[in-house]
Amino acid sequence: MARQTRAQRRARRQQETQAEPALAGAGGRGAKPPVRLAPEPPARPERGRRAREQAGGPGRFIVESWGELRKVEWPNQSHVIQGTVVVLIACVIIGTFIWVADIASKHIVQDLLLR
């Protein structure tokens, strides 16, 4: 199963704080600190699609992949253009360096080693 989004986690936490379970021993005059009640046991496993997803296989992989792709922050057009320009400039700089190094090494080999 795909992980929850940040908004889903925040909403769940907010619901938990609003509907917080009663504390055992709260409000009394005893010296003991209040104790939280045990959480409810998990529900019985569901039959059907969810059970197949939890079992594994290609269906679960596709569902989880789709969930992850929905959480991706895709770049807008200006970010894509900016990244492309940076890559092109880097390619020109590296290409120029390699070209100059090739010419220098060619002269070194021809003039010093092959003389």
C-alpha atoms as a PDB file:
ATOM      1  CA  MET A   1       0.000   0.000   0.000  1.00  0.00           C
ATOM      2  CA  ALA A   2       1.348   3.448  -0.858  1.00  0.00           C
ATOM      3  CA  ARG A   3       2.454   5.717   1.953  1.00  0.00           C
ATOM      4  CA  GLN A   4       0.148   8.478   3.140  1.00  0.00           C
ATOM      5  CA  THR A   5       0.680  11.993   1.909  1.00  0.00           C
ATOM      6  CA  ARG A   6       1.631  14.736   4.332  1.00  0.00           C
ATOM      7  CA  ALA A   7      -1.881  16.209   4.188  1.00  0.00           C
ATOM      8  CA  GLN A   8      -3.410  12.823   5.004  1.00  0.00           C
ATOM      9  CA  ARG A   9      -1.109  12.381   8.005  1.00  0.00           C
ATOM     10  CA  ARG A  10      -1.927  15.853   9.288  1.00  0.00           C
ATOM     11  CA  ALA A  11      -5.662  15.240   8.930  1.00  0.00           C
ATOM     12  CA  ARG A  12      -5.359  11.921  10.783  1.00  0.00           C
ATOM     13  CA  ARG A  13      -3.374  13.544  13.613  1.00  0.00           C
ATOM     14  CA  GLN A  14      -5.915  16.338  13.896  1.00  0.00           C
ATOM     15  CA  GLN A  15      -8.766  13.826  14.142  1.00  0.00           C
ATOM     16  CA  GLU A  16      -6.889  11.873  16.809  1.00  0.00           C
ATOM     17  CA  THR A  17      -6.333  14.973  18.936  1.00  0.00           C
ATOM     18  CA  GLN A  18      -9.987  16.024  18.632  1.00  0.00           C
ATOM     19  CA  ALA A  19     -11.359  12.593  19.524  1.00  0.00           C
ATOM     20  CA  GLU A  20      -8.745  11.619  22.109  1.00  0.00           C
ATOM     21  CA  PRO A  21      -9.764   8.614  24.257  1.00  0.00           C
ATOM     22  CA  ALA A  22     -10.526   9.123  27.918  1.00  0.00           C
ATOM     23  CA  LEU A  23      -7.613   8.706  30.292  1.00  0.00           C
ATOM     24  CA  ALA A  24      -7.914   6.120  33.029  1.00  0.00           C
ATOM     25  CA  GLY A  25      -7.406   7.741  36.408  1.00  0.00           C
ATOM     26  CA  ALA A  26      -7.710  11.295  35.102  1.00  0.00           C
ATOM     27  CA  GLY A  27      -9.380  13.810  37.343  1.00  0.00           C
ATOM     28  CA  GLY A  28      -8.807  11.890  40.565  1.00  0.00           C
ATOM     29  CA  ARG A  29      -6.814  13.060  43.568  1.00  0.00           C
ATOM     30  CA  GLY A  30      -4.464  10.080  43.519  1.00  0.00           C
ATOM     31  CA  ALA A  31      -0.716  10.497  43.148  1.00  0.00           C
ATOM     32  CA  LYS A  32      -0.607   8.184  40.146  1.00  0.00           C
ATOM     33  CA  PRO A  33      -0.210   9.812  36.720  1.00  0.00           C
ATOM     34  CA  PRO A  34      -3.018   9.174  34.227  1.00  0.00           C
ATOM     35  CA  VAL A  35      -2.667   6.080  32.080  1.00  0.00           C
ATOM     36  CA  ARG A  36      -3.833   5.849  28.449  1.00  0.00           C
ATOM     37  CA  LEU A  37      -6.268   3.111  27.559  1.00  0.00           C
ATOM     38  CA  ALA A  38      -5.061   0.381  25.223  1.00  0.00           C
ATOM     39  CA  PRO A  39      -5.833   0.952  21.532  1.00  0.00           C
ATOM     40  CA  GLU A  40      -8.534  -1.070  19.856  1.00  0.00           C
ATOM     41  CA  PRO A  41      -7.391  -4.301  18.192  1.00  0.00           C
ATOM     42  CA  PRO A  42      -6.993  -4.157  14.408  1.00  0.00           C
ATOM     43  CA  ALA A  43     -10.002  -5.039  12.289  1.00  0.00           C
ATOM     44  CA  ARG A  44     -10.268  -8.377  10.502  1.00  0.00           C
ATOM     45  CA  PRO A  45      -8.454  -8.483   7.170  1.00  0.00           C
ATOM     46  CA  GLU A  46     -10.607  -7.474   4.242  1.00  0.00           C
ATOM     47  CA  ARG A  47     -11.444  -9.819   1.441  1.00  0.00           C
ATOM     48  CA  GLY A  48     -11.188  -8.794  -2.175  1.00  0.00           C
ATOM     49  CA  ARG A  49      -9.020  -6.164  -3.798  1.00  0.00           C
ATOM     50  CA  ARG A  50      -7.241  -4.973  -0.652  1.00  0.00           C
ATOM     51  CA  ALA A  51      -6.357  -8.511   0.352  1.00  0.00           C
ATOM     52  CA  ARG A  52      -4.853  -9.142  -3.089  1.00  0.00           C
ATOM     53  CA  GLU A  53      -2.880  -5.895  -2.888  1.00  0.00           C
ATOM     54  CA  GLN A  54      -1.452  -6.861   0.490  1.00  0.00           C
ATOM     55  CA  ALA A  55      -0.590 -10.347  -0.748  1.00  0.00           C
ATOM     56  CA  GLY A  56       1.920  -8.946  -3.242  1.00  0.00           C
ATOM     57  CA  GLY A  57       2.511  -9.552  -6.896  1.00  0.00           C
ATOM     58  CA  PRO A  58       2.330  -7.241  -9.885  1.00  0.00           C
ATOM     59  CA  GLY A  59      -0.985  -5.692  -8.825  1.00  0.00           C
ATOM     60  CA  ARG A  60       0.455  -4.409  -5.580  1.00  0.00           C
ATOM     61  CA  PHE A  61       3.529  -3.070  -7.371  1.00  0.00           C
ATOM     62  CA  ILE A  62       1.381  -1.124  -9.843  1.00  0.00           C
ATOM     63  CA  VAL A  63      -0.845   0.304  -7.102  1.00  0.00           C
ATOM     64  CA  GLU A  64       2.135   1.404  -5.004  1.00  0.00           C
ATOM     65  CA  SER A  65       3.942   2.840  -8.030  1.00  0.00           C
ATOM     66  CA  TRP A  66       0.863   4.848  -8.993  1.00  0.00           C
ATOM     67  CA  GLY A  67       0.573   6.127  -5.411  1.00  0.00           C
ATOM     68  CA  GLU A  68       4.208   7.233  -5.408  1.00  0.00           C
ATOM     69  CA  LEU A  69       3.834   8.967  -8.783  1.00  0.00           C
ATOM     70  CA  ARG A  70       0.882  10.959  -7.430  1.00  0.00           C
ATOM     71  CA  LYS A  71       3.106  12.297  -4.634  1.00  0.00           C
ATOM     72  CA  VAL A  72       5.869  13.506  -6.972  1.00  0.00           C
ATOM     73  CA  GLU A  73       6.254  17.258  -7.262  1.00  0.00           C
ATOM     74  CA  TRP A  74       6.597  17.581 -11.027  1.00  0.00           C
ATOM     75  CA  PRO A  75       8.621  20.558 -12.351  1.00  0.00           C
ATOM     76  CA  ASN A  76       6.862  23.326 -14.221  1.00  0.00           C
ATOM     77  CA  GLN A  77       7.963  24.588 -17.644  1.00  0.00           C
ATOM     78  CA  SER A  78      10.324  27.264 -16.298  1.00  0.00           C
ATOM     79  CA  HIS A  79      12.178  24.720 -14.150  1.00  0.00           C
ATOM     80  CA  VAL A  80      12.566  22.364 -17.124  1.00  0.00           C
ATOM     81  CA  ILE A  81      13.906  25.169 -19.322  1.00  0.00           C
ATOM     82  CA  GLN A  82      16.292  26.324 -16.594  1.00  0.00           C
ATOM     83  CA  GLY A  83      17.625  22.784 -16.081  1.00  0.00           C
ATOM     84  CA  THR A  84      18.057  22.286 -19.830  1.00  0.00           C
ATOM     85  CA  VAL A  85      20.039  25.529 -20.144  1.00  0.00           C
ATOM     86  CA  VAL A  86      22.308  24.516 -17.269  1.00  0.00           C
ATOM     87  CA  VAL A  87      22.982  21.110 -18.869  1.00  0.00           C
ATOM     88  CA  LEU A  88      23.714  22.668 -22.283  1.00  0.00           C
ATOM     89  CA  ILE A  89      26.135  25.207 -20.779  1.00  0.00           C
ATOM     90  CA  ALA A  90      27.905  22.446 -18.839  1.00  0.00           C
ATOM     91  CA  CYS A  91      28.203  20.369 -22.036  1.00  0.00           C
ATOM     92  CA  VAL A  92      29.736  23.313 -23.912  1.00  0.00           C
ATOM     93  CA  ILE A  93      32.244  23.970 -21.109  1.00  0.00           C
ATOM     94  CA  ILE A  94      33.255  20.305 -20.779  1.00  0.00           C
ATOM     95  CA  GLY A  95      33.413  19.888 -24.583  1.00  0.00           C
ATOM     96  CA  THR A  96      35.640  22.942 -24.920  1.00  0.00           C
ATOM     97  CA  PHE A  97      37.949  21.647 -22.201  1.00  0.00           C
ATOM     98  CA  ILE A  98      38.232  18.234 -23.854  1.00  0.00           C
ATOM     99  CA  TRP A  99      38.860  19.857 -27.276  1.00  0.00           C
ATOM    100  CA  VAL A 100      41.661  22.058 -25.859  1.00  0.00           C
ATOM    101  CA  ALA A 101      43.169  19.091 -24.001  1.00  0.00           C
ATOM    102  CA  ASP A 102      43.065  17.036 -27.224  1.00  0.00           C
ATOM    103  CA  ILE A 103      44.861  19.730 -29.226  1.00  0.00           C
ATOM    104  CA  ALA A 104      47.493  20.171 -26.486  1.00  0.00           C
ATOM    105  CA  SER A 105      48.117  16.434 -26.158  1.00  0.00           C
ATOM    106  CA  LYS A 106      48.318  16.106 -29.980  1.00  0.00           C
ATOM    107  CA  HIS A 107      51.099  18.717 -30.107  1.00  0.00           C
ATOM    108  CA  ILE A 108      52.915  17.128 -27.164  1.00  0.00           C
ATOM    109  CA  VAL A 109      52.858  13.683 -28.798  1.00  0.00           C
ATOM    110  CA  GLN A 110      53.843  14.921 -32.290  1.00  0.00           C
ATOM    111  CA  ASP A 111      56.521  17.415 -31.235  1.00  0.00           C
ATOM    112  CA  LEU A 112      58.161  15.701 -28.252  1.00  0.00           C
ATOM    113  CA  LEU A 113      57.563  11.967 -28.500  1.00  0.00           C
ATOM    114  CA  LEU A 114      57.608  11.384 -32.267  1.00  0.00           C
ATOM    115  CA  ARG A 115      60.605  13.613 -33.061  1.00  0.00           C
END
